[in-house]
Structure formats: C-alpha cells, structure tokens
Amino acid sequence: MFKPLRHTGMAALCAALLAINCGGAFAADLKSGLKIAFVPKQINNPYEVIADDGGLSAIKEFGGVGKAVGPSDAGASSQVSYINTLITQHQDAIVIAANDANAVVPYLKKAMGQGIKVVTFDSDTAPEGRQLFVNQANAEGIGRGQVQLVAKLMGGEGEFAILSATPNATNQNTWIKWMQEELKKPEYSKIKLVKIAYGNDDDQKSFVETQGLLQAYPNLKAIVAPTTVGIAAAARYISSSSSKGKVAVTGLGTPNQMRAFVKNGTVTAFQLWDPSELGYLAAYAAASLASGKISGKEGESFDAGKLGKRTIGAQGEIILGPPTTFDASNIDKYNF
C-alpha cells in the first residue's frame, strides 16, 4: 500500500515533479500572460471547434490568455475583419486556419508589422503572410493516401468524385493536386475521377452536392470528401438512399461524426489526425515565437508540451504527424 510522505521537503519535491509532468517545465520557458487568438475557417465548424479547443487548452496550460473568434461562413475574405480587430487588441499572436491563401495576407502582414506573431495551421497562406505553418501531416502523403484508400474500396476500377470544401481552400486544393498526381500511376488506369464538386464546408450544400453527383454519374462507385463537413454530409445522404452499399464514402472525418455510418455499413474506412493536437501544437508554436524562443527559421526546435520537442522544417512548416485510418476495428478507441 502507498504511504503518504511525512517530510515536507520530500513532499515539495514530489509536487515539483508533478508540475513538470503536467507541462509546467514547458510553461516556465514561455512568457506569462501571452494573449493568443485562434481564427478558424468557421467558428461553428465541428472540426475547427475541436482544433481551437486543443489550442485553448494548451494556452491555459502555459498560463496564457486565449480565445477563438471567426466567421460563420468560409468566404475568402470573411476572416479579415476579425484579424483587424485582433490587431487593435494588441494580441501577442494570431493562429489562423486560412480560408484563402492570399486574401488575408495583407492584414496578417500588418499584424506582423506591429509585432504580432502569426502562425497558420490546418490551411496555410502564402508564406509571406505568416512566420510558421503547423500542418496536419505531409500534404503529399494525405493526397496520395486518399487515392490509395479509395482505390482499395473501389476494387481498383470505376468512377469516383471528390466533394471538397470551397474552391479557394488552400489545404483542400493541395491535397487534390496530390490526388491527381497519384492517379497518374499505371495501377490506377482503370479508375476515373469524373468530377470535383464543392460543398463550401456547408452541411446542407454538401448534402445537395452529393445528391447531384449520384444523379449526374449513375455509375459512380465512390465519393472522396477530404473535409469533415463534406464526408459527414455525403455519408448521411447515402445512408438513407439506394446507393448505400453500392457507392463508397471516404475522405477525412472525425470518429465521433462518422461512427454511426461505420456501424451501419455506409462507410468502410476514412482517415484523419487528431485536430485537438493540431491546435495544441499551433498554440505552443505561437507561444514559442512570442516568447522569443524561436524565430521561425528552418532547423529551430521548441518544446510543445505533451507533444514533445518539434523542429521547424522548410518554409516554416511544422508537421503534426501521419493520419490514422479509422474503420470498424478501431473507431471505438477514439473520442473526438
């Protein structure tokens, strides 16, 4: 049986060790009271909420002041007014998932010009618009992996469509570019990409776009939606249609969103990383910048709390890690 410590000195030492294990050692190296604001693509997007919450938990961990503010739509310039407000509030850092690679750049440059550190995460801007980009995983790996997964689900042949977010979404377009590159390989010669549709990361529009794809392409064998909003909407439509069991649905989704569709047989497999950890890593990157621990140069390293030491790569990119493939065998092990 465990016996309580009777000596004050030993108890103090134990308390100190517990603080270190809880992230105190990392927080001690960062400035106290840092003001860090997250700007998601859409404030009501379930994926973005999880990512922002991960960032806010990190900020609380190292003793900063955090908040998440942003638009309800994913329009190219919808984040601009929020950036301007954050500049006037003299935030120490802005962490943004950009709706457009270029539309927000002038305003982020203005923020940096006033000493505010800028970190993009999930969806990047042009490099001149930020100091660091925290990426989910290697973009090429995500894109190629989506094709590899859907090819397996299709049995190596047939027609499929992509249901993306907005036409200007940086991350979506990069992944799709790599999907198209992967499709050039000879092993995919019997697979045809017939359409790239856009649901604008809106549930109802994505639902309607799914219906349109099935009507326009009666021989469709799969839909790939590299967006958590799109994959859930596509699965919801197909689960209650005659296409269930005939048209595969895959892409990028959260386990909690997709669990019911995996259990009822609509979805066999899909992929994602933990968006909470993505936000968490972005918060530590922003705090390290704002504390002067790093400048954003390739090769620099910083401590990211429970995620350990991370190193900055080319063009200021920091990678969280490879995505996980979820299916009936493992989905109940995850809760996000």
Protein backbone atom coordinates (compact mmCIF):
# COMPACT_ATOMS: atom_id res chain seq x y z
CA MET A 1 0.00 0.00 0.00
CA PHE A 2 1.20 3.52 -0.79
CA LYS A 3 2.16 5.51 2.33
CA PRO A 4 1.90 9.33 2.41
CA LEU A 5 5.14 11.33 2.59
CA ARG A 6 5.82 12.69 6.05
CA HIS A 7 8.71 15.00 5.24
CA THR A 8 7.88 18.47 3.94
CA GLY A 9 10.97 18.60 1.76
CA MET A 10 10.14 15.35 0.02
CA ALA A 11 6.53 16.44 -0.45
CA ALA A 12 7.68 19.67 -2.06
CA LEU A 13 9.99 17.75 -4.38
CA CYS A 14 7.16 15.44 -5.39
CA ALA A 15 4.88 18.41 -6.10
CA ALA A 16 7.56 19.94 -8.29
CA LEU A 17 7.95 16.71 -10.24
CA LEU A 18 4.20 16.51 -10.74
CA ALA A 19 4.19 20.05 -12.11
CA ILE A 20 6.90 19.10 -14.58
CA ASN A 21 4.94 16.06 -15.73
CA CYS A 22 1.86 18.23 -16.22
CA GLY A 23 3.64 20.63 -18.56
CA GLY A 24 4.98 23.10 -16.01
CA ALA A 25 8.53 22.69 -17.27
CA PHE A 26 7.49 23.83 -20.72
CA ALA A 27 5.40 26.74 -19.43
CA ALA A 28 8.31 28.00 -17.33
CA ASP A 29 10.25 28.81 -20.51
CA LEU A 30 7.44 30.89 -22.02
CA LYS A 31 6.36 34.43 -21.26
CA SER A 32 3.49 34.59 -18.81
CA GLY A 33 0.12 36.05 -19.76
CA LEU A 34 0.55 35.77 -23.53
CA LYS A 35 -2.57 36.80 -25.44
CA ILE A 36 -3.15 34.34 -28.27
CA ALA A 37 -6.21 34.33 -30.55
CA PHE A 38 -7.34 31.49 -32.81
CA VAL A 39 -9.15 32.39 -36.03
CA PRO A 40 -10.82 29.28 -37.51
CA LYS A 41 -12.22 28.97 -41.02
CA GLN A 42 -15.70 28.87 -39.49
CA ILE A 43 -16.46 29.33 -35.82
CA ASN A 44 -19.26 26.71 -35.94
CA ASN A 45 -17.39 24.01 -37.92
CA PRO A 46 -17.15 20.90 -35.65
CA TYR A 47 -13.60 20.14 -36.79
CA GLU A 48 -12.49 23.72 -36.17
CA VAL A 49 -14.10 23.71 -32.72
CA ILE A 50 -12.08 20.64 -31.73
CA ALA A 51 -8.86 22.18 -33.09
CA ASP A 52 -9.48 25.50 -31.36
CA ASP A 53 -10.30 23.78 -28.07
CA GLY A 54 -6.98 21.94 -28.27
CA GLY A 55 -5.21 25.24 -28.74
CA LEU A 56 -7.07 26.90 -25.89
CA SER A 57 -6.20 24.01 -23.57
CA ALA A 58 -2.52 24.49 -24.40
CA ILE A 59 -2.76 28.24 -23.75
CA LYS A 60 -4.31 27.55 -20.35
CA GLU A 61 -1.55 25.02 -19.69
CA PHE A 62 1.24 27.56 -20.15
CA GLY A 63 -0.60 30.39 -18.41
CA GLY A 64 -1.69 32.47 -21.39
CA VAL A 65 -4.97 34.14 -22.28
CA GLY A 66 -6.67 32.54 -25.25
CA LYS A 67 -9.80 32.96 -27.32
CA ALA A 68 -11.30 31.82 -30.63
CA VAL A 69 -13.04 34.29 -32.92
CA GLY A 70 -14.07 33.99 -36.54
CA PRO A 71 -16.74 34.00 -39.24
CA SER A 72 -19.74 31.72 -39.64
CA ASP A 73 -19.01 31.26 -43.36
CA ALA A 74 -15.88 30.19 -45.21
CA GLY A 75 -15.72 33.06 -47.70
CA ALA A 76 -12.30 34.12 -48.93
CA SER A 77 -12.29 37.45 -47.10
CA SER A 78 -14.59 36.55 -44.20
CA GLN A 79 -11.72 36.49 -41.68
CA VAL A 80 -10.37 39.97 -42.48
CA SER A 81 -12.50 41.95 -40.01
CA TYR A 82 -11.53 39.60 -37.20
CA ILE A 83 -7.83 39.99 -37.95
CA ASN A 84 -8.18 43.78 -37.90
CA THR A 85 -9.93 43.64 -34.54
CA LEU A 86 -7.21 41.41 -33.09
CA ILE A 87 -4.58 43.89 -34.26
CA THR A 88 -6.31 46.72 -32.39
CA GLN A 89 -6.48 44.47 -29.32
CA HIS A 90 -2.69 44.03 -29.43
CA GLN A 91 -2.68 40.25 -29.31
CA ASP A 92 0.73 38.64 -28.86
CA ALA A 93 -0.05 36.04 -31.52
CA ILE A 94 -2.70 35.13 -34.08
CA VAL A 95 -3.20 31.48 -35.05
CA ILE A 96 -5.31 31.19 -38.20
CA ALA A 97 -6.69 28.47 -40.48
CA ALA A 98 -6.92 30.50 -43.68
CA ASN A 99 -9.99 30.35 -45.89
CA ASP A 100 -7.93 31.73 -48.77
CA ALA A 101 -4.19 31.64 -49.36
CA ASN A 102 -3.96 35.29 -50.41
CA ALA A 103 -6.99 37.29 -49.24
CA VAL A 104 -5.82 37.59 -45.63
CA VAL A 105 -2.11 38.12 -46.34
CA PRO A 106 -2.08 41.97 -46.37
CA TYR A 107 -3.80 42.05 -42.99
CA LEU A 108 -1.56 39.39 -41.46
CA LYS A 109 1.46 41.33 -42.74
CA LYS A 110 0.05 44.38 -40.99
CA ALA A 111 -0.21 42.34 -37.79
CA MET A 112 3.38 41.17 -38.06
CA GLY A 113 4.47 44.73 -38.75
CA GLN A 114 3.05 45.66 -35.36
CA GLY A 115 4.93 42.89 -33.58
CA ILE A 116 2.16 40.29 -33.52
CA LYS A 117 3.36 36.77 -34.29
CA VAL A 118 1.36 34.91 -36.94
CA VAL A 119 1.03 31.14 -37.19
CA THR A 120 -1.16 29.39 -39.74
CA PHE A 121 -2.46 25.91 -39.06
CA ASP A 122 -4.56 23.38 -40.96
CA SER A 123 -4.84 25.67 -44.02
CA ASP A 124 -1.88 27.85 -44.99
CA THR A 125 -1.50 31.29 -46.51
CA ALA A 126 1.18 32.39 -48.93
CA PRO A 127 4.46 32.16 -46.96
CA GLU A 128 4.84 35.94 -46.66
CA GLY A 129 1.62 36.05 -44.62
CA ARG A 130 2.94 34.15 -41.62
CA GLN A 131 6.02 33.06 -39.71
CA LEU A 132 5.09 29.40 -39.17
CA PHE A 133 2.67 26.87 -40.65
CA VAL A 134 1.57 23.95 -38.47
CA ASN A 135 0.50 21.24 -40.89
CA GLN A 136 -1.61 18.20 -40.06
CA ALA A 137 0.63 15.83 -41.96
CA ASN A 138 2.67 15.80 -45.13
CA ALA A 139 0.32 17.17 -47.80
CA GLU A 140 1.61 14.79 -50.46
CA GLY A 141 1.08 11.85 -48.13
CA ILE A 142 -2.50 12.89 -47.39
CA GLY A 143 -3.40 13.29 -51.06
CA ARG A 144 -1.77 10.11 -52.26
CA GLY A 145 -3.16 8.23 -49.27
CA GLN A 146 -6.72 9.26 -50.13
CA VAL A 147 -6.35 7.77 -53.62
CA GLN A 148 -4.80 4.59 -52.26
CA LEU A 149 -7.69 4.17 -49.85
CA VAL A 150 -10.48 4.85 -52.34
CA ALA A 151 -8.85 2.59 -54.95
CA LYS A 152 -8.96 -0.25 -52.45
CA LEU A 153 -12.61 0.44 -51.64
CA MET A 154 -13.47 0.53 -55.37
CA GLY A 155 -11.69 -2.71 -56.14
CA GLY A 156 -9.23 -0.91 -58.40
CA GLU A 157 -11.66 0.27 -61.06
CA GLY A 158 -14.59 2.56 -61.75
CA GLU A 159 -15.62 6.21 -61.44
CA PHE A 160 -15.31 8.39 -58.38
CA ALA A 161 -15.86 12.03 -57.48
CA ILE A 162 -14.32 14.43 -54.98
CA LEU A 163 -16.54 16.50 -52.70
CA SER A 164 -14.32 19.33 -51.49
CA ALA A 165 -14.87 22.40 -49.30
CA THR A 166 -14.52 25.78 -51.04
CA PRO A 167 -12.76 26.27 -54.41
CA ASN A 168 -10.20 28.53 -52.72
CA ALA A 169 -9.37 26.33 -49.69
CA THR A 170 -5.57 26.02 -49.64
CA ASN A 171 -5.34 22.67 -47.91
CA GLN A 172 -8.10 21.06 -49.98
CA ASN A 173 -6.54 22.19 -53.25
CA THR A 174 -3.09 20.96 -52.26
CA TRP A 175 -4.42 17.53 -51.31
CA ILE A 176 -6.44 17.31 -54.53
CA LYS A 177 -3.34 18.20 -56.54
CA TRP A 178 -1.51 15.24 -54.98
CA MET A 179 -4.53 13.00 -55.51
CA GLN A 180 -4.40 13.83 -59.21
CA GLU A 181 -0.67 13.13 -59.27
CA GLU A 182 -1.20 9.73 -57.65
CA LEU A 183 -3.91 8.89 -60.20
CA LYS A 184 -1.32 9.18 -62.99
CA LYS A 185 0.31 5.95 -61.84
CA PRO A 186 -0.38 2.93 -64.08
CA GLU A 187 -2.04 0.95 -61.28
CA TYR A 188 -4.93 3.43 -61.37
CA SER A 189 -5.51 3.23 -65.13
CA LYS A 190 -8.98 1.76 -64.60
CA ILE A 191 -10.03 4.46 -62.15
CA LYS A 192 -11.50 7.75 -63.39
CA LEU A 193 -12.04 10.98 -61.46
CA VAL A 194 -15.22 12.34 -63.05
CA LYS A 195 -15.91 15.48 -61.01
CA ILE A 196 -14.64 17.80 -58.28
CA ALA A 197 -17.68 19.27 -56.52
CA TYR A 198 -17.69 21.95 -53.83
CA GLY A 199 -19.92 21.92 -50.78
CA ASN A 200 -18.35 25.10 -49.33
CA ASP A 201 -17.95 23.32 -45.97
CA ASP A 202 -21.67 23.79 -45.50
CA ASP A 203 -23.61 20.73 -44.38
CA GLN A 204 -26.73 21.30 -46.46
CA LYS A 205 -24.88 22.32 -49.63
CA SER A 206 -22.60 19.28 -49.30
CA PHE A 207 -25.70 17.09 -48.86
CA VAL A 208 -27.24 18.53 -52.04
CA GLU A 209 -23.96 18.22 -53.96
CA THR A 210 -23.84 14.52 -53.02
CA GLN A 211 -27.31 14.04 -54.45
CA GLY A 212 -26.26 15.86 -57.62
CA LEU A 213 -23.19 13.68 -58.08
CA LEU A 214 -25.21 10.48 -57.82
CA GLN A 215 -27.77 11.77 -60.32
CA ALA A 216 -25.18 13.03 -62.81
CA TYR A 217 -22.98 9.93 -62.63
CA PRO A 218 -25.12 6.79 -62.28
CA ASN A 219 -22.02 4.56 -62.47
CA LEU A 220 -20.28 6.32 -59.59
CA LYS A 221 -18.53 3.89 -57.25
CA ALA A 222 -17.13 6.26 -54.63
CA ILE A 223 -17.07 9.78 -53.23
CA VAL A 224 -13.95 11.13 -51.54
CA ALA A 225 -14.58 14.12 -49.27
CA PRO A 226 -11.33 15.50 -47.80
CA THR A 227 -13.37 17.69 -45.43
CA THR A 228 -15.09 16.68 -42.20
CA VAL A 229 -18.24 18.57 -43.15
CA GLY A 230 -18.38 17.01 -46.61
CA ILE A 231 -17.77 13.41 -45.61
CA ALA A 232 -20.45 13.52 -42.91
CA ALA A 233 -23.00 15.08 -45.27
CA ALA A 234 -22.21 12.58 -48.05
CA ALA A 235 -22.49 9.66 -45.65
CA ARG A 236 -25.78 10.95 -44.29
CA TYR A 237 -27.29 11.20 -47.78
CA ILE A 238 -26.04 7.82 -48.97
CA SER A 239 -27.00 6.03 -45.75
CA SER A 240 -30.68 6.70 -46.47
CA SER A 241 -30.56 6.18 -50.24
CA SER A 242 -30.50 3.24 -52.63
CA SER A 243 -26.77 3.92 -53.12
CA LYS A 244 -25.92 2.56 -49.68
CA GLY A 245 -23.61 -0.41 -50.10
CA LYS A 246 -23.05 0.50 -53.76
CA VAL A 247 -21.22 3.83 -53.50
CA ALA A 248 -18.30 4.01 -51.09
CA VAL A 249 -17.80 7.14 -48.98
CA THR A 250 -14.37 8.02 -47.66
CA GLY A 251 -12.17 11.03 -47.02
CA LEU A 252 -11.25 12.95 -43.88
CA GLY A 253 -13.62 12.85 -40.91
CA THR A 254 -13.72 12.70 -37.14
CA PRO A 255 -14.50 9.37 -35.44
CA ASN A 256 -17.42 10.84 -33.48
CA GLN A 257 -19.02 12.20 -36.66
CA MET A 258 -18.52 9.01 -38.63
CA ARG A 259 -19.06 6.29 -36.01
CA ALA A 260 -22.74 5.69 -36.81
CA PHE A 261 -22.02 5.47 -40.55
CA VAL A 262 -19.24 2.94 -39.99
CA LYS A 263 -21.51 0.88 -37.74
CA ASN A 264 -24.39 0.86 -40.25
CA GLY A 265 -22.14 -0.09 -43.18
CA THR A 266 -22.30 3.18 -45.13
CA VAL A 267 -18.60 3.89 -44.57
CA THR A 268 -15.88 1.25 -44.51
CA ALA A 269 -12.83 3.39 -43.79
CA PHE A 270 -11.72 7.02 -43.61
CA GLN A 271 -8.75 8.99 -42.31
CA LEU A 272 -7.82 11.91 -40.07
CA TRP A 273 -5.35 13.17 -37.47
CA ASP A 274 -6.41 14.45 -34.04
CA PRO A 275 -7.47 18.08 -34.67
CA SER A 276 -7.18 18.80 -30.94
CA GLU A 277 -3.48 18.01 -31.06
CA LEU A 278 -3.10 20.17 -34.18
CA GLY A 279 -4.48 23.17 -32.31
CA TYR A 280 -2.38 22.29 -29.27
CA LEU A 281 0.82 22.23 -31.33
CA ALA A 282 -0.07 25.51 -33.05
CA ALA A 283 -0.58 27.21 -29.68
CA TYR A 284 2.84 26.12 -28.43
CA ALA A 285 4.45 27.23 -31.70
CA ALA A 286 2.83 30.66 -31.37
CA ALA A 287 3.85 30.99 -27.73
CA SER A 288 7.43 29.99 -28.53
CA LEU A 289 7.55 32.69 -31.22
CA ALA A 290 6.03 35.31 -28.95
CA SER A 291 8.45 34.38 -26.16
CA GLY A 292 11.48 34.76 -28.43
CA LYS A 293 12.42 31.09 -28.13
CA ILE A 294 12.31 30.65 -31.91
CA SER A 295 12.25 32.97 -34.91
CA GLY A 296 10.72 30.62 -37.49
CA LYS A 297 13.96 29.55 -39.17
CA GLU A 298 14.39 26.03 -40.54
CA GLY A 299 16.11 23.74 -38.06
CA GLU A 300 15.00 25.55 -34.91
CA SER A 301 13.32 23.41 -32.23
CA PHE A 302 10.89 24.14 -29.44
CA ASP A 303 9.07 22.24 -26.71
CA ALA A 304 5.40 21.56 -27.41
CA GLY A 305 4.13 20.34 -24.05
CA LYS A 306 2.81 16.78 -24.15
CA LEU A 307 3.80 16.50 -27.84
CA GLY A 308 7.49 16.89 -27.01
CA LYS A 309 10.16 18.66 -29.00
CA ARG A 310 9.28 19.79 -32.53
CA THR A 311 11.57 21.04 -35.28
CA ILE A 312 10.79 23.65 -37.92
CA GLY A 313 11.15 22.43 -41.49
CA ALA A 314 11.47 24.19 -44.84
CA GLN A 315 9.40 27.37 -45.32
CA GLY A 316 8.48 27.44 -41.64
CA GLU A 317 6.47 24.21 -41.71
CA ILE A 318 5.90 22.08 -38.62
CA ILE A 319 4.22 18.70 -39.12
CA LEU A 320 1.97 17.06 -36.51
CA GLY A 321 2.32 13.52 -37.85
CA PRO A 322 0.76 10.93 -40.18
CA PRO A 323 -3.04 10.47 -40.29
CA THR A 324 -4.84 7.48 -38.80
CA THR A 325 -7.11 5.20 -40.83
CA PHE A 326 -10.36 4.53 -38.97
CA ASP A 327 -12.61 1.52 -39.57
CA ALA A 328 -14.87 -0.83 -37.61
CA SER A 329 -11.88 -2.46 -35.91
CA ASN A 330 -10.58 0.68 -34.18
CA ILE A 331 -13.11 3.52 -34.30
CA ASP A 332 -14.39 2.93 -30.76
CA LYS A 333 -10.89 3.54 -29.40
CA TYR A 334 -11.17 7.24 -30.32
CA ASN A 335 -13.33 10.02 -28.93
CA PHE A 336 -13.05 13.30 -30.87
